Amino acid sequence: MENIRTLWPDLNYQKWRDTAVSLHLWTQVVGKVRLALTPWINHSWQVPFYVTACGIGTSLIPTRNEAFEIEFDFISHRLVVRTSWGEQRLLTLEPQSVATFYERVMALLYELKIAVKINETPNEVSDPTPFPMDHGHCSYDAVEAHAFWRALLQVDRVLKHFRSGFLGKVSPVHFFWGSFDLAVTRFSGRTAPLHPGGVPALPDAVVREAYSHEVSSAGFWPGNETFPRPAFYSYVYPEPSGYRARPITKGAFFEERLGEFILPYDAVRKSLDPDALLLDFLSTTYAAAAQAARWDREALECPLGVPGRPRPMNNV
C-alpha cells in the first residue's frame, strides 16, 4: 500500500492552488510558442505537450530548417530550451511573475535567434490578463510541482494502455496547456454537428475544428476554481440521449455543471489497485458513450495491447 501511495502522490488543490495557477499560465507562454511556429493539425494536435521522464515538453518545434524543444523539468526545476544546432538555454523555475517568466522566455529565444511572436493573451481562463501585464501570479512550490508531474506520469501510463484498445482514430495522450489537462480522445469516424462555441477566451473557430467529429474523450486535471479538486473526467460530443443514465464505475458520478462523468483522483490514489479502477472508469464511460451513440464497436475496438506481442487478427 505504501508503494502505491508513493506512486500516486497526494494532490490537494487548495494547498497548491497558487502554484497551479502560475504554472498554468507559464505553460501557456511556452505553448503559444509552439502554436505560432507549428503547422495546424486536426483537432489542435499540434499544440499540446507530452509527459517526459522529468516533466512535460513540447517535442520538436520547427524553426527555419532546424528545430528546437522546450521542457519543464520538474526534477531539476528549470525550463530547458534545446536546439538541433547544439545550443541550450536554461531558466530556473522559481517564484516569479508571469510577466517576468514571459520576458525571460522570449529573451532566451532571442539569444538563440529563434524568431517568434505570440498572442500574449491567455486562453481558457476567466478574466485573462496579457502576459506582460500579469504581475499578480508569481508562485512556484517545487515540491507541489514535482508531485503534480509524478501524478501525470502515472496517468499518462494508464491512458496509453487504455488507448491501445482502439482500432479507430484516436489521439495521442497529450497535455493541453489551455485547459491544463492530460487527455486521450477516441473518434467514431462520423462527423458531428457544428459546435456552438462559447468556450471562455478561446476562438469559436478553434473549438469547432476540435469538435468537427464525434468523440469520446477522457483525461485528468489537477483541479480549478470551478471544480477545486483533482479528478478524472470523461465526456462525449455530441451527447446522445440516455448517455448520463448508463452504468459506470462505482464511485464515479455525472457532474451536471461540467457535463462530464467524474472520478475523484483520491478514489484512485487510495484504491488497492489504482490502475484497475482507472481503467474501469475509462472503459465504462467510453462504453456509455459508444452504446448510447451507436458507434460501430465491433469495427473500432480490440483487446488492450500487451508489450512485445502483435495484436491478434480476427480473420486469421
C-alpha atoms as a PDB file:
ATOM      1  CA  MET A   1       0.000   0.000   0.000  1.00  0.00           C
ATOM      2  CA  GLU A   2       2.797   2.452   0.829  1.00  0.00           C
ATOM      3  CA  ASN A   3       4.379   1.856  -2.568  1.00  0.00           C
ATOM      4  CA  ILE A   4       1.085   2.646  -4.314  1.00  0.00           C
ATOM      5  CA  ARG A   5       0.678   5.822  -2.266  1.00  0.00           C
ATOM      6  CA  THR A   6       4.179   6.856  -3.313  1.00  0.00           C
ATOM      7  CA  LEU A   7       3.425   6.224  -6.984  1.00  0.00           C
ATOM      8  CA  TRP A   8       0.170   8.190  -6.806  1.00  0.00           C
ATOM      9  CA  PRO A   9       1.038  11.315  -4.793  1.00  0.00           C
ATOM     10  CA  ASP A  10      -1.368  13.359  -2.712  1.00  0.00           C
ATOM     11  CA  LEU A  11      -2.631  16.380  -4.653  1.00  0.00           C
ATOM     12  CA  ASN A  12      -4.507  18.978  -2.623  1.00  0.00           C
ATOM     13  CA  TYR A  13      -5.731  21.723  -4.922  1.00  0.00           C
ATOM     14  CA  GLN A  14      -6.222  24.228  -2.129  1.00  0.00           C
ATOM     15  CA  LYS A  15      -2.657  23.639  -0.964  1.00  0.00           C
ATOM     16  CA  TRP A  16      -1.022  24.122  -4.348  1.00  0.00           C
ATOM     17  CA  ARG A  17      -3.606  26.387  -5.999  1.00  0.00           C
ATOM     18  CA  ASP A  18      -1.308  29.423  -6.353  1.00  0.00           C
ATOM     19  CA  THR A  19       1.448  27.320  -7.926  1.00  0.00           C
ATOM     20  CA  ALA A  20      -1.079  25.611 -10.216  1.00  0.00           C
ATOM     21  CA  VAL A  21      -2.447  28.927 -11.491  1.00  0.00           C
ATOM     22  CA  SER A  22       1.036  30.364 -12.134  1.00  0.00           C
ATOM     23  CA  LEU A  23       2.254  27.161 -13.771  1.00  0.00           C
ATOM     24  CA  HIS A  24      -0.851  27.032 -15.956  1.00  0.00           C
ATOM     25  CA  LEU A  25      -0.039  30.499 -17.294  1.00  0.00           C
ATOM     26  CA  TRP A  26       3.676  29.708 -17.723  1.00  0.00           C
ATOM     27  CA  THR A  27       2.779  26.663 -19.826  1.00  0.00           C
ATOM     28  CA  GLN A  28       0.577  28.884 -21.973  1.00  0.00           C
ATOM     29  CA  VAL A  29       3.552  31.139 -22.736  1.00  0.00           C
ATOM     30  CA  VAL A  30       5.566  28.145 -23.953  1.00  0.00           C
ATOM     31  CA  GLY A  31       2.577  26.525 -25.634  1.00  0.00           C
ATOM     32  CA  LYS A  32       1.900  29.637 -27.675  1.00  0.00           C
ATOM     33  CA  VAL A  33       5.471  29.495 -28.967  1.00  0.00           C
ATOM     34  CA  ARG A  34       4.755  26.030 -30.344  1.00  0.00           C
ATOM     35  CA  LEU A  35       1.387  27.228 -31.665  1.00  0.00           C
ATOM     36  CA  ALA A  36       2.978  30.144 -33.528  1.00  0.00           C
ATOM     37  CA  LEU A  37       5.582  28.012 -35.317  1.00  0.00           C
ATOM     38  CA  THR A  38       3.876  24.667 -35.991  1.00  0.00           C
ATOM     39  CA  PRO A  39       1.516  23.908 -38.906  1.00  0.00           C
ATOM     40  CA  TRP A  40      -2.064  23.238 -37.821  1.00  0.00           C
ATOM     41  CA  ILE A  41      -3.034  19.612 -37.321  1.00  0.00           C
ATOM     42  CA  ASN A  42      -6.580  18.306 -36.926  1.00  0.00           C
ATOM     43  CA  HIS A  43      -8.183  18.990 -33.534  1.00  0.00           C
ATOM     44  CA  SER A  44      -5.264  21.254 -32.482  1.00  0.00           C
ATOM     45  CA  TRP A  45      -2.957  18.262 -32.042  1.00  0.00           C
ATOM     46  CA  GLN A  46      -0.003  20.460 -32.994  1.00  0.00           C
ATOM     47  CA  VAL A  47      -0.139  22.438 -29.732  1.00  0.00           C
ATOM     48  CA  PRO A  48      -0.115  20.058 -26.710  1.00  0.00           C
ATOM     49  CA  PHE A  49       2.789  18.997 -24.503  1.00  0.00           C
ATOM     50  CA  TYR A  50       3.810  15.429 -23.671  1.00  0.00           C
ATOM     51  CA  VAL A  51       4.814  13.854 -20.376  1.00  0.00           C
ATOM     52  CA  THR A  52       8.577  13.253 -20.251  1.00  0.00           C
ATOM     53  CA  ALA A  53      10.977  11.432 -17.930  1.00  0.00           C
ATOM     54  CA  CYS A  54      11.410  14.619 -15.880  1.00  0.00           C
ATOM     55  CA  GLY A  55       8.414  16.828 -16.648  1.00  0.00           C
ATOM     56  CA  ILE A  56       6.382  17.950 -19.642  1.00  0.00           C
ATOM     57  CA  GLY A  57       7.720  19.079 -23.001  1.00  0.00           C
ATOM     58  CA  THR A  58       6.755  20.399 -26.415  1.00  0.00           C
ATOM     59  CA  SER A  59       8.524  17.808 -28.597  1.00  0.00           C
ATOM     60  CA  LEU A  60      10.216  19.266 -31.709  1.00  0.00           C
ATOM     61  CA  ILE A  61       9.200  22.727 -32.919  1.00  0.00           C
ATOM     62  CA  PRO A  62      10.344  23.753 -36.418  1.00  0.00           C
ATOM     63  CA  THR A  63      12.320  26.966 -36.943  1.00  0.00           C
ATOM     64  CA  ARG A  64      13.797  27.761 -40.348  1.00  0.00           C
ATOM     65  CA  ASN A  65      15.335  24.427 -41.461  1.00  0.00           C
ATOM     66  CA  GLU A  66      16.170  23.352 -37.899  1.00  0.00           C
ATOM     67  CA  ALA A  67      14.195  22.534 -34.762  1.00  0.00           C
ATOM     68  CA  PHE A  68      14.124  23.090 -31.019  1.00  0.00           C
ATOM     69  CA  GLU A  69      12.200  21.841 -27.999  1.00  0.00           C
ATOM     70  CA  ILE A  70      11.194  23.288 -24.653  1.00  0.00           C
ATOM     71  CA  GLU A  71      10.763  21.224 -21.498  1.00  0.00           C
ATOM     72  CA  PHE A  72       9.542  21.967 -17.999  1.00  0.00           C
ATOM     73  CA  ASP A  73      11.899  19.882 -15.836  1.00  0.00           C
ATOM     74  CA  PHE A  74      10.196  19.213 -12.502  1.00  0.00           C
ATOM     75  CA  ILE A  75      13.145  17.279 -11.082  1.00  0.00           C
ATOM     76  CA  SER A  76      15.808  19.970 -11.513  1.00  0.00           C
ATOM     77  CA  HIS A  77      13.130  22.698 -11.607  1.00  0.00           C
ATOM     78  CA  ARG A  78      14.226  24.512 -14.681  1.00  0.00           C
ATOM     79  CA  LEU A  79      12.909  25.314 -18.127  1.00  0.00           C
ATOM     80  CA  VAL A  80      15.195  23.817 -20.767  1.00  0.00           C
ATOM     81  CA  VAL A  81      15.398  25.007 -24.375  1.00  0.00           C
ATOM     82  CA  ARG A  82      17.367  22.596 -26.604  1.00  0.00           C
ATOM     83  CA  THR A  83      18.183  23.153 -30.265  1.00  0.00           C
ATOM     84  CA  SER A  84      19.143  20.909 -33.177  1.00  0.00           C
ATOM     85  CA  TRP A  85      22.227  23.067 -33.758  1.00  0.00           C
ATOM     86  CA  GLY A  86      23.666  22.148 -30.378  1.00  0.00           C
ATOM     87  CA  GLU A  87      22.807  25.138 -28.191  1.00  0.00           C
ATOM     88  CA  GLN A  88      20.880  25.041 -24.928  1.00  0.00           C
ATOM     89  CA  ARG A  89      19.451  27.626 -22.556  1.00  0.00           C
ATOM     90  CA  LEU A  90      18.138  27.199 -19.010  1.00  0.00           C
ATOM     91  CA  LEU A  91      15.678  29.170 -16.928  1.00  0.00           C
ATOM     92  CA  THR A  92      15.235  28.383 -13.231  1.00  0.00           C
ATOM     93  CA  LEU A  93      11.681  27.531 -12.189  1.00  0.00           C
ATOM     94  CA  GLU A  94      11.191  29.607  -9.066  1.00  0.00           C
ATOM     95  CA  PRO A  95       8.703  32.156  -7.727  1.00  0.00           C
ATOM     96  CA  GLN A  96       8.399  34.824 -10.439  1.00  0.00           C
ATOM     97  CA  SER A  97       5.551  36.710 -12.040  1.00  0.00           C
ATOM     98  CA  VAL A  98       4.012  35.646 -15.323  1.00  0.00           C
ATOM     99  CA  ALA A  99       5.334  38.900 -16.781  1.00  0.00           C
ATOM    100  CA  THR A 100       8.889  38.068 -15.695  1.00  0.00           C
ATOM    101  CA  PHE A 101       8.626  34.479 -16.947  1.00  0.00           C
ATOM    102  CA  TYR A 102       7.334  35.690 -20.313  1.00  0.00           C
ATOM    103  CA  GLU A 103      10.137  38.241 -20.629  1.00  0.00           C
ATOM    104  CA  ARG A 104      12.795  35.670 -19.749  1.00  0.00           C
ATOM    105  CA  VAL A 105      11.473  33.015 -22.138  1.00  0.00           C
ATOM    106  CA  MET A 106      11.328  35.448 -25.035  1.00  0.00           C
ATOM    107  CA  ALA A 107      14.855  36.642 -24.198  1.00  0.00           C
ATOM    108  CA  LEU A 108      16.174  33.060 -24.308  1.00  0.00           C
ATOM    109  CA  LEU A 109      14.591  32.510 -27.703  1.00  0.00           C
ATOM    110  CA  TYR A 110      16.036  35.801 -28.958  1.00  0.00           C
ATOM    111  CA  GLU A 111      19.521  34.715 -27.823  1.00  0.00           C
ATOM    112  CA  LEU A 112      19.062  31.533 -29.850  1.00  0.00           C
ATOM    113  CA  LYS A 113      17.937  33.568 -32.886  1.00  0.00           C
ATOM    114  CA  ILE A 114      14.508  31.944 -32.835  1.00  0.00           C
ATOM    115  CA  ALA A 115      12.135  34.497 -34.287  1.00  0.00           C
ATOM    116  CA  VAL A 116       8.623  34.161 -32.885  1.00  0.00           C
ATOM    117  CA  LYS A 117       5.749  36.450 -31.951  1.00  0.00           C
ATOM    118  CA  ILE A 118       2.907  35.071 -29.867  1.00  0.00           C
ATOM    119  CA  ASN A 119      -0.589  36.095 -28.868  1.00  0.00           C
ATOM    120  CA  GLU A 120       0.057  37.439 -25.360  1.00  0.00           C
ATOM    121  CA  THR A 121      -3.455  36.817 -24.010  1.00  0.00           C
ATOM    122  CA  PRO A 122      -4.081  33.535 -22.099  1.00  0.00           C
ATOM    123  CA  ASN A 123      -6.779  31.144 -23.287  1.00  0.00           C
ATOM    124  CA  GLU A 124      -9.492  29.234 -21.418  1.00  0.00           C
ATOM    125  CA  VAL A 125      -9.166  31.273 -18.217  1.00  0.00           C
ATOM    126  CA  SER A 126     -11.558  33.788 -16.702  1.00  0.00           C
ATOM    127  CA  ASP A 127     -10.513  37.458 -16.850  1.00  0.00           C
ATOM    128  CA  PRO A 128      -7.357  36.808 -18.890  1.00  0.00           C
ATOM    129  CA  THR A 129      -4.511  39.270 -18.297  1.00  0.00           C
ATOM    130  CA  PRO A 130      -1.907  39.655 -21.074  1.00  0.00           C
ATOM    131  CA  PHE A 131       1.372  38.002 -20.061  1.00  0.00           C
ATOM    132  CA  PRO A 132       3.475  41.209 -19.973  1.00  0.00           C
ATOM    133  CA  MET A 133       0.952  42.812 -17.595  1.00  0.00           C
ATOM    134  CA  ASP A 134       0.464  39.894 -15.185  1.00  0.00           C
ATOM    135  CA  HIS A 135       2.454  40.661 -12.046  1.00  0.00           C
ATOM    136  CA  GLY A 136      -0.053  39.030  -9.685  1.00  0.00           C
ATOM    137  CA  HIS A 137       0.531  35.325 -10.375  1.00  0.00           C
ATOM    138  CA  CYS A 138       4.036  34.584  -9.132  1.00  0.00           C
ATOM    139  CA  SER A 139       4.008  31.361  -7.081  1.00  0.00           C
ATOM    140  CA  TYR A 140       6.096  28.227  -7.512  1.00  0.00           C
ATOM    141  CA  ASP A 141       6.314  25.475  -4.906  1.00  0.00           C
ATOM    142  CA  ALA A 142       8.864  22.954  -6.181  1.00  0.00           C
ATOM    143  CA  VAL A 143       7.533  20.100  -4.017  1.00  0.00           C
ATOM    144  CA  GLU A 144       3.969  20.561  -5.256  1.00  0.00           C
ATOM    145  CA  ALA A 145       5.051  20.937  -8.889  1.00  0.00           C
ATOM    146  CA  HIS A 146       7.043  17.705  -8.600  1.00  0.00           C
ATOM    147  CA  ALA A 147       4.021  15.892  -7.115  1.00  0.00           C
ATOM    148  CA  PHE A 148       1.864  17.138  -9.995  1.00  0.00           C
ATOM    149  CA  TRP A 149       4.313  15.711 -12.526  1.00  0.00           C
ATOM    150  CA  ARG A 150       4.509  12.403 -10.622  1.00  0.00           C
ATOM    151  CA  ALA A 151       0.713  12.152 -10.894  1.00  0.00           C
ATOM    152  CA  LEU A 152       0.872  12.933 -14.622  1.00  0.00           C
ATOM    153  CA  LEU A 153       3.464  10.184 -15.024  1.00  0.00           C
ATOM    154  CA  GLN A 154       1.083   7.556 -13.662  1.00  0.00           C
ATOM    155  CA  VAL A 155      -1.960   8.871 -15.517  1.00  0.00           C
ATOM    156  CA  ASP A 156      -0.027   9.019 -18.799  1.00  0.00           C
ATOM    157  CA  ARG A 157       0.921   5.354 -18.402  1.00  0.00           C
ATOM    158  CA  VAL A 158      -2.670   4.189 -17.812  1.00  0.00           C
ATOM    159  CA  LEU A 159      -4.147   6.387 -20.551  1.00  0.00           C
ATOM    160  CA  LYS A 160      -1.665   4.928 -23.034  1.00  0.00           C
ATOM    161  CA  HIS A 161      -2.687   1.413 -22.021  1.00  0.00           C
ATOM    162  CA  PHE A 162      -6.347   2.356 -22.479  1.00  0.00           C
ATOM    163  CA  ARG A 163      -5.532   3.932 -25.861  1.00  0.00           C
ATOM    164  CA  SER A 164      -4.179   0.590 -27.129  1.00  0.00           C
ATOM    165  CA  GLY A 165      -7.669  -0.960 -27.103  1.00  0.00           C
ATOM    166  CA  PHE A 166      -8.977   1.037 -30.059  1.00  0.00           C
ATOM    167  CA  LEU A 167      -8.584   0.442 -33.798  1.00  0.00           C
ATOM    168  CA  GLY A 168     -10.218   3.648 -34.986  1.00  0.00           C
ATOM    169  CA  LYS A 169      -8.837   7.163 -34.982  1.00  0.00           C
ATOM    170  CA  VAL A 170      -7.514   8.007 -31.529  1.00  0.00           C
ATOM    171  CA  SER A 171      -5.452  10.937 -30.310  1.00  0.00           C
ATOM    172  CA  PRO A 172      -2.046  10.683 -28.694  1.00  0.00           C
ATOM    173  CA  VAL A 173      -2.047  11.091 -24.919  1.00  0.00           C
ATOM    174  CA  HIS A 174      -1.237  14.771 -24.643  1.00  0.00           C
ATOM    175  CA  PHE A 175      -1.292  17.668 -22.210  1.00  0.00           C
ATOM    176  CA  PHE A 176      -3.347  20.653 -23.296  1.00  0.00           C
ATOM    177  CA  TRP A 177      -1.909  23.855 -21.824  1.00  0.00           C
ATOM    178  CA  GLY A 178      -5.132  25.777 -22.436  1.00  0.00           C
ATOM    179  CA  SER A 179      -7.338  23.580 -20.275  1.00  0.00           C
ATOM    180  CA  PHE A 180      -4.349  22.304 -18.233  1.00  0.00           C
ATOM    181  CA  ASP A 181      -5.274  18.631 -18.516  1.00  0.00           C
ATOM    182  CA  LEU A 182      -3.911  15.332 -19.796  1.00  0.00           C
ATOM    183  CA  ALA A 183      -6.293  13.728 -22.290  1.00  0.00           C
ATOM    184  CA  VAL A 184      -6.919  10.979 -24.840  1.00  0.00           C
ATOM    185  CA  THR A 185      -9.763  11.050 -27.362  1.00  0.00           C
ATOM    186  CA  ARG A 186     -11.459   8.324 -29.405  1.00  0.00           C
ATOM    187  CA  PHE A 187     -13.413   9.034 -32.603  1.00  0.00           C
ATOM    188  CA  SER A 188     -16.401   7.204 -34.047  1.00  0.00           C
ATOM    189  CA  GLY A 189     -15.414   8.169 -37.601  1.00  0.00           C
ATOM    190  CA  ARG A 190     -18.559  10.218 -38.140  1.00  0.00           C
ATOM    191  CA  THR A 191     -18.806  13.980 -38.449  1.00  0.00           C
ATOM    192  CA  ALA A 192     -20.507  15.967 -35.681  1.00  0.00           C
ATOM    193  CA  PRO A 193     -22.948  18.877 -35.766  1.00  0.00           C
ATOM    194  CA  LEU A 194     -21.386  22.329 -35.588  1.00  0.00           C
ATOM    195  CA  HIS A 195     -20.229  23.069 -32.045  1.00  0.00           C
ATOM    196  CA  PRO A 196     -21.930  26.152 -30.553  1.00  0.00           C
ATOM    197  CA  GLY A 197     -18.612  27.568 -29.327  1.00  0.00           C
ATOM    198  CA  GLY A 198     -18.611  29.889 -26.336  1.00  0.00           C
ATOM    199  CA  VAL A 199     -15.568  28.439 -24.526  1.00  0.00           C
ATOM    200  CA  PRO A 200     -14.084  31.263 -22.402  1.00  0.00           C
ATOM    201  CA  ALA A 201     -11.155  33.049 -24.068  1.00  0.00           C
ATOM    202  CA  LEU A 202     -10.978  30.571 -26.956  1.00  0.00           C
ATOM    203  CA  PRO A 203     -11.962  31.422 -30.550  1.00  0.00           C
ATOM    204  CA  ASP A 204     -15.082  29.625 -31.751  1.00  0.00           C
ATOM    205  CA  ALA A 205     -13.205  28.562 -34.898  1.00  0.00           C
ATOM    206  CA  VAL A 206     -10.726  26.600 -32.769  1.00  0.00           C
ATOM    207  CA  VAL A 207     -13.474  24.903 -30.758  1.00  0.00           C
ATOM    208  CA  ARG A 208     -15.486  24.000 -33.842  1.00  0.00           C
ATOM    209  CA  GLU A 209     -12.493  22.491 -35.603  1.00  0.00           C
ATOM    210  CA  ALA A 210     -11.625  20.496 -32.469  1.00  0.00           C
ATOM    211  CA  TYR A 211     -15.148  19.029 -32.297  1.00  0.00           C
ATOM    212  CA  SER A 212     -15.727  18.541 -36.017  1.00  0.00           C
ATOM    213  CA  HIS A 213     -16.219  14.789 -35.461  1.00  0.00           C
ATOM    214  CA  GLU A 214     -17.932  12.621 -32.854  1.00  0.00           C
ATOM    215  CA  VAL A 215     -15.674  11.968 -29.861  1.00  0.00           C
ATOM    216  CA  SER A 216     -15.445  10.182 -26.561  1.00  0.00           C
ATOM    217  CA  SER A 217     -12.742  11.939 -24.577  1.00  0.00           C
ATOM    218  CA  ALA A 218     -11.259  11.227 -21.143  1.00  0.00           C
ATOM    219  CA  GLY A 219      -8.441  12.540 -19.040  1.00  0.00           C
ATOM    220  CA  PHE A 220      -7.199  14.133 -15.847  1.00  0.00           C
ATOM    221  CA  TRP A 221      -6.943  17.641 -14.492  1.00  0.00           C
ATOM    222  CA  PRO A 222      -5.460  18.772 -11.154  1.00  0.00           C
ATOM    223  CA  GLY A 223      -8.402  20.976 -10.189  1.00  0.00           C
ATOM    224  CA  ASN A 224      -9.538  24.509 -10.918  1.00  0.00           C
ATOM    225  CA  GLU A 225     -11.843  27.148  -9.447  1.00  0.00           C
ATOM    226  CA  THR A 226     -14.921  25.513 -10.977  1.00  0.00           C
ATOM    227  CA  PHE A 227     -14.052  22.071  -9.587  1.00  0.00           C
ATOM    228  CA  PRO A 228     -11.358  22.585  -6.900  1.00  0.00           C
ATOM    229  CA  ARG A 229     -10.035  19.046  -6.571  1.00  0.00           C
ATOM    230  CA  PRO A 230      -8.085  16.724  -8.852  1.00  0.00           C
ATOM    231  CA  ALA A 231     -10.231  14.346 -10.846  1.00  0.00           C
ATOM    232  CA  PHE A 232     -10.550  12.113 -13.866  1.00  0.00           C
ATOM    233  CA  TYR A 233     -13.226  13.049 -16.390  1.00  0.00           C
ATOM    234  CA  SER A 234     -14.979  11.564 -19.395  1.00  0.00           C
ATOM    235  CA  TYR A 235     -17.421  13.130 -21.842  1.00  0.00           C
ATOM    236  CA  VAL A 236     -18.927  12.622 -25.291  1.00  0.00           C
ATOM    237  CA  TYR A 237     -19.699  15.058 -28.099  1.00  0.00           C
ATOM    238  CA  PRO A 238     -22.375  15.320 -29.262  1.00  0.00           C
ATOM    239  CA  GLU A 239     -24.112  13.919 -26.190  1.00  0.00           C
ATOM    240  CA  PRO A 240     -26.600  11.185 -27.184  1.00  0.00           C
ATOM    241  CA  SER A 241     -29.881  10.510 -25.449  1.00  0.00           C
ATOM    242  CA  GLY A 242     -29.550   8.197 -22.433  1.00  0.00           C
ATOM    243  CA  TYR A 243     -25.791   8.739 -22.024  1.00  0.00           C
ATOM    244  CA  ARG A 244     -25.967  10.041 -18.456  1.00  0.00           C
ATOM    245  CA  ALA A 245     -28.071   7.100 -17.266  1.00  0.00           C
ATOM    246  CA  ARG A 246     -25.642   4.392 -18.419  1.00  0.00           C
ATOM    247  CA  PRO A 247     -23.927   2.278 -15.714  1.00  0.00           C
ATOM    248  CA  ILE A 248     -20.364   3.317 -14.907  1.00  0.00           C
ATOM    249  CA  THR A 249     -17.667   2.637 -12.308  1.00  0.00           C
ATOM    250  CA  LYS A 250     -18.768   2.646  -8.687  1.00  0.00           C
ATOM    251  CA  GLY A 251     -17.726   5.907  -7.041  1.00  0.00           C
ATOM    252  CA  ALA A 252     -17.899   7.900 -10.263  1.00  0.00           C
ATOM    253  CA  PHE A 253     -20.765  10.287 -11.000  1.00  0.00           C
ATOM    254  CA  PHE A 254     -22.099  12.704 -13.604  1.00  0.00           C
ATOM    255  CA  GLU A 255     -21.268  16.324 -12.781  1.00  0.00           C
ATOM    256  CA  GLU A 256     -24.076  18.466 -14.179  1.00  0.00           C
ATOM    257  CA  ARG A 257     -22.136  21.765 -14.127  1.00  0.00           C
ATOM    258  CA  LEU A 258     -19.328  20.282 -16.186  1.00  0.00           C
ATOM    259  CA  GLY A 259     -21.417  17.964 -18.351  1.00  0.00           C
ATOM    260  CA  GLU A 260     -18.955  15.127 -17.687  1.00  0.00           C
ATOM    261  CA  PHE A 261     -18.551  11.913 -15.743  1.00  0.00           C
ATOM    262  CA  ILE A 262     -16.143  12.424 -12.848  1.00  0.00           C
ATOM    263  CA  LEU A 263     -13.999  10.049 -10.773  1.00  0.00           C
ATOM    264  CA  PRO A 264     -12.127  11.775  -7.914  1.00  0.00           C
ATOM    265  CA  TYR A 265      -8.354  11.388  -8.073  1.00  0.00           C
ATOM    266  CA  ASP A 266      -8.287  10.437  -4.388  1.00  0.00           C
ATOM    267  CA  ALA A 267     -10.552   7.458  -5.074  1.00  0.00           C
ATOM    268  CA  VAL A 268      -7.936   6.133  -7.473  1.00  0.00           C
ATOM    269  CA  ARG A 269      -4.958   7.094  -5.326  1.00  0.00           C
ATOM    270  CA  LYS A 270      -6.364   5.320  -2.250  1.00  0.00           C
ATOM    271  CA  SER A 271      -7.556   2.245  -4.140  1.00  0.00           C
ATOM    272  CA  LEU A 272      -5.878  -1.126  -3.609  1.00  0.00           C
ATOM    273  CA  ASP A 273      -5.452  -1.297  -7.401  1.00  0.00           C
ATOM    274  CA  PRO A 274      -5.382   2.235  -8.862  1.00  0.00           C
ATOM    275  CA  ASP A 275      -4.659   1.067 -12.414  1.00  0.00           C
ATOM    276  CA  ALA A 276      -7.651  -1.291 -12.455  1.00  0.00           C
ATOM    277  CA  LEU A 277     -10.036   1.313 -11.043  1.00  0.00           C
ATOM    278  CA  LEU A 278      -8.940   3.980 -13.515  1.00  0.00           C
ATOM    279  CA  LEU A 279      -9.110   1.579 -16.475  1.00  0.00           C
ATOM    280  CA  ASP A 280     -12.615   0.570 -15.404  1.00  0.00           C
ATOM    281  CA  PHE A 281     -13.695   4.214 -15.308  1.00  0.00           C
ATOM    282  CA  LEU A 282     -12.215   4.873 -18.738  1.00  0.00           C
ATOM    283  CA  SER A 283     -13.767   1.724 -20.181  1.00  0.00           C
ATOM    284  CA  THR A 284     -17.260   2.068 -18.702  1.00  0.00           C
ATOM    285  CA  THR A 285     -17.629   5.742 -19.579  1.00  0.00           C
ATOM    286  CA  TYR A 286     -16.421   5.072 -23.128  1.00  0.00           C
ATOM    287  CA  ALA A 287     -18.915   2.185 -23.358  1.00  0.00           C
ATOM    288  CA  ALA A 288     -21.668   4.519 -22.168  1.00  0.00           C
ATOM    289  CA  ALA A 289     -20.828   6.907 -24.997  1.00  0.00           C
ATOM    290  CA  ALA A 290     -20.364   4.245 -27.673  1.00  0.00           C
ATOM    291  CA  GLN A 291     -23.559   2.387 -26.782  1.00  0.00           C
ATOM    292  CA  ALA A 292     -25.734   5.465 -26.460  1.00  0.00           C
ATOM    293  CA  ALA A 293     -24.405   6.952 -29.719  1.00  0.00           C
ATOM    294  CA  ARG A 294     -24.447   3.578 -31.526  1.00  0.00           C
ATOM    295  CA  TRP A 295     -20.809   3.525 -32.571  1.00  0.00           C
ATOM    296  CA  ASP A 296     -19.642   0.542 -34.628  1.00  0.00           C
ATOM    297  CA  ARG A 297     -17.895  -1.018 -31.643  1.00  0.00           C
ATOM    298  CA  GLU A 298     -17.055  -4.306 -33.366  1.00  0.00           C
ATOM    299  CA  ALA A 299     -15.068  -2.464 -36.031  1.00  0.00           C
ATOM    300  CA  LEU A 300     -13.484   0.087 -33.679  1.00  0.00           C
ATOM    301  CA  GLU A 301     -12.378  -1.910 -30.630  1.00  0.00           C
ATOM    302  CA  CYS A 302      -9.710  -4.500 -29.876  1.00  0.00           C
ATOM    303  CA  PRO A 303      -8.154  -6.027 -26.741  1.00  0.00           C
ATOM    304  CA  LEU A 304      -5.741  -3.872 -24.742  1.00  0.00           C
ATOM    305  CA  GLY A 305      -2.194  -4.098 -26.031  1.00  0.00           C
ATOM    306  CA  VAL A 306       0.481  -6.327 -24.494  1.00  0.00           C
ATOM    307  CA  PRO A 307       4.197  -5.379 -24.679  1.00  0.00           C
ATOM    308  CA  GLY A 308       6.102  -7.318 -27.352  1.00  0.00           C
ATOM    309  CA  ARG A 309       3.042  -9.137 -28.701  1.00  0.00           C
ATOM    310  CA  PRO A 310       1.468  -8.230 -32.076  1.00  0.00           C
ATOM    311  CA  ARG A 311      -2.272  -7.556 -31.984  1.00  0.00           C
ATOM    312  CA  PRO A 312      -4.115 -10.760 -32.956  1.00  0.00           C
ATOM    313  CA  MET A 313      -6.110 -10.557 -36.202  1.00  0.00           C
ATOM    314  CA  ASN A 314      -9.734 -11.652 -36.079  1.00  0.00           C
ATOM    315  CA  ASN A 315      -9.654 -13.005 -39.640  1.00  0.00           C
ATOM    316  CA  VAL A 316      -6.657 -15.301 -39.075  1.00  0.00           C
END
